[in-house]
Protein backbone atom coordinates (compact mmCIF):
# COMPACT_ATOMS: atom_id res chain seq x y z
CA MET A 1 -0.10 -0.10 -0.08
CA LYS A 2 1.44 3.38 -0.83
CA LYS A 3 2.06 5.66 1.67
CA GLU A 4 -0.12 8.33 0.48
CA ASN A 5 -3.36 6.01 0.81
CA VAL A 6 -2.36 5.42 4.54
CA ILE A 7 -5.86 6.71 6.11
CA HIS A 8 -4.77 5.45 9.64
CA THR A 9 -2.33 6.52 12.28
CA PHE A 10 -0.98 4.71 15.29
CA VAL A 11 -0.09 7.16 18.02
CA VAL A 12 2.03 5.61 20.75
CA LEU A 13 1.52 7.71 23.82
CA ALA A 14 4.62 7.02 25.46
CA TYR A 15 5.23 8.05 29.28
CA LYS A 16 8.83 8.06 31.13
CA GLU A 17 10.46 4.62 30.69
CA SER A 18 7.66 1.76 30.58
CA PRO A 19 8.96 -1.89 30.16
CA TYR A 20 6.23 -2.78 27.92
CA LEU A 21 6.56 0.13 25.17
CA GLU A 22 8.55 -2.07 23.02
CA GLU A 23 5.99 -4.52 23.00
CA CYS A 24 3.46 -2.13 21.95
CA ILE A 25 5.36 -0.70 19.37
CA LYS A 26 6.11 -4.07 17.87
CA SER A 27 2.51 -4.96 17.76
CA VAL A 28 1.34 -1.48 15.98
CA LEU A 29 4.06 -2.21 13.39
CA ASN A 30 3.20 -5.92 12.93
CA GLN A 31 -0.35 -5.20 11.53
CA SER A 32 -1.90 -6.73 8.42
CA TYR A 33 -2.83 -3.08 7.55
CA LYS A 34 0.16 -1.20 7.40
CA SER A 35 -0.62 2.22 9.17
CA ARG A 36 1.48 5.38 10.06
CA VAL A 37 3.23 4.89 13.71
CA VAL A 38 4.42 7.54 15.44
CA ILE A 39 5.73 8.25 19.15
CA ALA A 40 4.07 11.03 21.15
CA THR A 41 5.27 12.02 24.54
CA THR A 42 5.26 14.76 26.83
CA THR A 43 8.14 13.03 28.83
CA ASP A 44 11.16 13.11 26.18
CA ASN A 45 13.90 11.03 27.28
CA GLU A 46 16.61 8.76 25.60
CA PHE A 47 14.81 5.65 26.87
CA ILE A 48 12.21 6.80 24.52
CA ARG A 49 14.43 8.24 21.57
CA LYS A 50 16.57 4.88 21.42
CA LEU A 51 13.54 2.59 20.87
CA ALA A 52 12.30 5.30 18.31
CA LYS A 53 15.64 5.20 16.57
CA ASN A 54 15.89 1.27 16.55
CA TYR A 55 12.43 1.22 15.07
CA LYS A 56 12.61 4.28 12.62
CA LEU A 57 9.79 6.37 14.37
CA GLU A 58 9.45 9.78 14.53
CA VAL A 59 9.13 11.33 18.19
CA ILE A 60 6.50 14.06 18.45
CA VAL A 61 7.01 16.13 21.73
CA GLY A 62 4.35 17.78 23.85
CA LYS A 63 3.92 19.94 26.74
CA HIS A 64 2.17 18.61 29.62
CA THR A 65 -0.76 20.32 30.37
CA SER A 66 -3.05 17.55 32.00
CA ILE A 67 -4.00 13.99 31.76
CA GLY A 68 -6.84 14.79 29.12
CA GLY A 69 -4.73 17.65 27.40
CA ASP A 70 -2.26 14.86 26.92
CA PHE A 71 -4.30 12.51 25.26
CA ASP A 72 -6.28 15.41 23.00
CA PHE A 73 -2.33 16.39 21.98
CA ALA A 74 -1.70 12.57 21.04
CA VAL A 75 -4.77 12.57 18.82
CA GLN A 76 -3.96 15.81 17.14
CA THR A 77 -0.49 14.31 16.22
CA GLY A 78 -2.13 11.78 13.88
CA THR A 79 -2.38 13.42 10.31
CA THR A 80 -4.60 10.64 8.92
CA PRO A 81 -8.45 10.82 8.84
CA LEU A 82 -8.22 7.86 11.46
CA VAL A 83 -6.32 7.97 14.87
CA THR A 84 -5.66 5.64 17.63
CA VAL A 85 -3.82 6.71 20.64
CA ALA A 86 -2.04 3.21 21.41
CA HIS A 87 -1.41 3.06 25.16
CA GLN A 88 2.23 2.35 25.81
CA ASP A 89 1.75 -1.17 28.12
CA ASP A 90 -1.01 -2.40 25.63
CA LEU A 91 -1.08 -4.52 22.76
CA TYR A 92 -2.90 -4.57 19.51
CA ASP A 93 -3.55 -7.76 17.54
CA PHE A 94 -2.83 -8.41 13.70
CA ASP A 95 -6.08 -7.27 12.34
CA TYR A 96 -6.80 -4.64 14.63
CA ALA A 97 -6.00 -1.34 12.05
CA LYS A 98 -7.63 -3.13 9.18
CA THR A 99 -10.76 -3.87 11.26
CA VAL A 100 -11.26 -0.35 12.04
CA VAL A 101 -10.53 0.90 8.64
CA ASP A 102 -12.83 -1.39 7.10
CA GLN A 103 -15.62 -0.06 9.50
CA TYR A 104 -14.84 3.33 8.59
CA LEU A 105 -14.98 2.76 4.77
CA LYS A 106 -18.53 1.38 5.46
CA TYR A 107 -19.59 3.93 8.16
CA SER A 108 -17.58 7.16 7.36
CA ASP A 109 -20.07 9.20 9.73
CA ALA A 110 -18.78 7.50 12.94
CA THR A 111 -16.96 9.62 15.62
CA ILE A 112 -15.09 6.76 16.94
CA LEU A 113 -14.53 2.91 15.83
CA PHE A 114 -13.69 0.72 18.53
CA THR A 115 -13.20 -3.08 19.27
CA ASP A 116 -13.67 -5.43 22.00
CA TYR A 117 -10.83 -6.28 23.97
CA TYR A 118 -9.06 -8.80 26.62
CA GLU A 119 -7.30 -8.03 29.40
CA ILE A 120 -3.42 -9.04 30.31
CA ARG A 121 -2.70 -9.99 33.81
CA ASN A 122 0.59 -11.22 34.71
CA GLY A 123 1.53 -11.91 30.94
CA GLU A 124 -1.62 -13.98 30.64
CA LYS A 125 -4.56 -13.45 28.42
CA THR A 126 -7.95 -13.19 30.06
CA LEU A 127 -10.76 -13.25 27.77
CA SER A 128 -13.51 -12.98 30.37
CA ASN A 129 -14.27 -12.01 33.96
CA LEU A 130 -17.45 -10.37 35.51
CA ASN A 131 -16.10 -6.92 34.31
CA LEU A 132 -15.67 -7.88 30.87
CA LYS A 133 -19.06 -9.21 30.62
CA ILE A 134 -20.74 -6.49 32.15
CA LYS A 135 -19.06 -4.16 29.46
CA ARG A 136 -20.08 -6.44 26.72
CA ILE A 137 -23.80 -6.45 28.27
CA LEU A 138 -23.75 -2.67 28.07
CA LEU A 139 -22.41 -2.70 24.29
CA SER A 140 -24.86 -5.09 22.96
CA PRO A 141 -27.15 -2.48 21.43
CA LEU A 142 -24.18 -0.97 19.49
CA ARG A 143 -23.69 -4.33 17.56
CA SER A 144 -26.31 -2.86 15.62
CA LYS A 145 -25.00 -0.40 13.12
CA LYS A 146 -28.04 1.20 12.51
CA LEU A 147 -29.15 2.04 16.04
CA ALA A 148 -25.50 3.02 16.60
CA LYS A 149 -26.00 6.39 15.22
CA TYR A 150 -28.94 7.25 17.59
CA ALA A 151 -27.81 9.24 20.94
CA PHE A 152 -30.08 7.39 23.31
CA ILE A 153 -28.41 4.07 22.08
CA LYS A 154 -24.73 5.41 22.48
CA ARG A 155 -25.55 6.96 25.75
CA PHE A 156 -26.99 3.79 26.86
CA ALA A 157 -23.95 1.99 26.76
CA LEU A 158 -22.34 4.61 29.05
CA ARG A 159 -25.17 5.40 31.51
CA PHE A 160 -24.17 2.31 33.73
CA GLY A 161 -20.88 2.74 33.74
CA ASN A 162 -17.37 3.43 31.17
CA SER A 163 -18.08 0.46 28.59
CA ILE A 164 -15.77 1.66 26.43
CA SER A 165 -12.05 0.93 26.64
CA CYS A 166 -9.71 3.88 25.64
CA PRO A 167 -7.05 2.14 24.12
CA ALA A 168 -9.44 -0.06 21.93
CA VAL A 169 -10.84 3.40 20.47
CA THR A 170 -10.00 4.71 17.23
CA PHE A 171 -10.97 8.43 16.59
CA VAL A 172 -12.20 9.73 12.99
CA LYS A 173 -10.73 13.22 13.43
CA ASN A 174 -12.74 15.25 11.20
CA ASN A 175 -16.06 14.07 13.07
CA CYS A 176 -14.58 14.75 16.37
CA PRO A 177 -13.85 18.00 17.97
CA LYS A 178 -10.47 19.28 18.73
CA GLU A 179 -10.60 18.80 22.34
CA ILE A 180 -12.15 15.38 23.18
CA PHE A 181 -10.54 14.77 26.61
CA THR A 182 -9.72 17.88 28.13
CA SER A 183 -11.87 18.18 31.36
CA PRO A 184 -11.12 18.87 34.96
CA TYR A 185 -11.30 15.11 35.71
CA GLN A 186 -8.40 12.88 36.52
CA CYS A 187 -10.00 9.40 36.86
CA ASN A 188 -13.03 9.52 34.43
CA VAL A 189 -11.12 11.54 31.25
CA ASP A 190 -12.40 8.85 29.11
CA TRP A 191 -15.73 8.40 30.45
CA PHE A 192 -16.42 11.90 29.97
CA ALA A 193 -15.02 11.90 26.38
CA TRP A 194 -17.35 9.21 25.41
CA GLU A 195 -20.35 11.20 27.17
CA ARG A 196 -19.16 14.50 25.26
CA LEU A 197 -19.28 12.53 21.98
CA SER A 198 -22.34 10.48 22.58
CA LYS A 199 -24.16 13.98 22.16
CA LEU A 200 -22.82 14.72 18.81
CA LYS A 201 -23.85 13.54 15.33
CA GLY A 202 -22.27 10.25 14.32
CA ARG A 203 -22.20 6.58 14.86
CA PHE A 204 -20.08 4.66 17.73
CA VAL A 205 -19.09 1.92 15.58
CA PHE A 206 -18.15 -1.21 17.96
CA CYS A 207 -16.56 -4.30 16.65
CA SER A 208 -17.44 -7.11 18.84
CA LYS A 209 -13.93 -9.08 18.02
CA LYS A 210 -11.32 -9.04 20.95
CA LEU A 211 -8.43 -7.37 18.89
CA MET A 212 -6.18 -5.56 21.52
CA GLY A 213 -5.12 -6.68 24.65
CA HIS A 214 -5.22 -3.98 27.64
CA ARG A 215 -2.71 -4.48 30.49
CA ILE A 216 -3.70 -4.62 34.06
CA SER A 217 -1.27 -3.24 36.46
CA GLU A 218 -1.44 -4.32 39.91
CA GLU A 219 1.12 -1.92 40.97
CA SER A 220 -1.75 0.95 40.79
CA THR A 221 -3.46 -0.27 43.77
CA THR A 222 -1.98 2.09 46.30
CA THR A 223 -2.44 4.98 43.51
CA ASP A 224 -6.00 3.99 43.65
CA ILE A 225 -6.59 3.87 47.30
CA ILE A 226 -4.82 7.33 47.93
CA ARG A 227 -7.16 8.55 45.01
CA GLN A 228 -10.40 6.98 45.97
CA GLY A 229 -12.26 10.06 47.30
CA ILE A 230 -11.42 11.60 43.96
CA ARG A 231 -12.73 8.81 41.90
CA THR A 232 -15.90 8.58 43.81
CA LYS A 233 -16.73 12.18 43.18
CA GLU A 234 -16.04 12.07 39.60
CA ASP A 235 -18.13 8.98 38.91
CA TYR A 236 -21.02 10.75 40.78
CA GLU A 237 -20.54 13.76 38.40
CA ILE A 238 -20.81 11.66 35.45
CA TYR A 239 -23.78 9.65 36.61
CA CYS A 240 -25.64 13.04 37.08
CA LYS A 241 -24.82 13.51 33.17
CA PHE A 242 -27.30 10.52 32.71
CA TRP A 243 -29.42 10.36 35.59
CA PRO A 244 -31.35 12.41 38.33
CA LYS A 245 -28.99 12.95 41.55
CA TRP A 246 -30.58 10.27 43.84
CA VAL A 247 -30.01 7.61 41.09
CA ALA A 248 -26.56 8.84 40.61
CA LYS A 249 -25.79 8.45 44.08
CA ILE A 250 -27.28 5.01 44.19
CA LEU A 251 -25.23 3.86 40.82
CA THR A 252 -21.99 5.67 42.23
CA GLY A 253 -22.09 3.53 45.51
CA LEU A 254 -22.75 0.24 43.60
CA TYR A 255 -19.71 1.27 41.10
CA LYS A 256 -17.57 1.85 43.67
CA SER A 257 -18.17 -1.39 45.24
CA SER A 258 -17.72 -3.29 41.74
CA GLU A 259 -15.47 -1.43 39.43
CA LYS A 260 -11.45 -2.63 40.32
CA SER A 261 -9.99 -1.51 36.77
CA ASN A 262 -8.06 1.74 36.10
CA CYS A 263 -9.18 5.26 35.33
CA ILE A 264 -8.04 6.20 32.06
CA GLU A 265 -6.86 3.11 32.11
CA LYS A 266 -2.99 2.88 33.68
CA GLU A 267 -1.79 5.88 31.68
CA LYS A 268 -3.76 8.23 34.42
CA ASN A 269 -2.10 6.64 37.32
CA LYS A 270 1.48 6.74 35.83
CA TYR A 271 1.24 10.47 35.91
CA GLU A 272 0.44 10.47 39.52
CA LYS A 273 3.56 8.51 40.71
């Protein structure tokens, strides 16, 4: 495929010195659809530069403003119509890029295209657990591409919890605002972004194939405990965008008890260490 015909970019968002960064880079380079690949970072260092040199990748350096601001910076560095912000600890399966490109060619009115995912725990794939099952139930209405253009259906997938995994998402830049993630939030940056996008014209295109792996870092437990008050406050504020306050309060309590995964996933936790 000629370079000028490439319509998808993986922007690998690198932070400090992740031991998994090279695995992530390999996974986005080893795709059936040959996307453009660049590295974006707000913590420029020799570790990142060395890996970039080894794989002949451009490094784009930005200024840290906020967690959401850094993610918006990463999206904007992509110069193609489709941009995936690849989280540095995660892995992308061989057909991830091809799948989102194919879906875009069918549904060019989409704001986001995303796939199902599996978790990586202690180096092993976890294809299903309670958390993943709940998310898949919430996402089930989006299996219908005809219904996926309606705000009610898009918002249904979000009204009981954050069902969309941030690293599995590809953005259709021309159909999205320049600021997607920028917000006062620290944990719920991505949930806030999906809520914002759900009100705009355009489909949420969901592919039920598990085409990327999100690494669950057990080391973030201490951070979660310290930040628990912030997390609960943010959950309540997001729920209030979907429900009356009394319902939001109940759901926040339930979510606090059941939700054990990370916030913008583990990238957020690293910013706080």
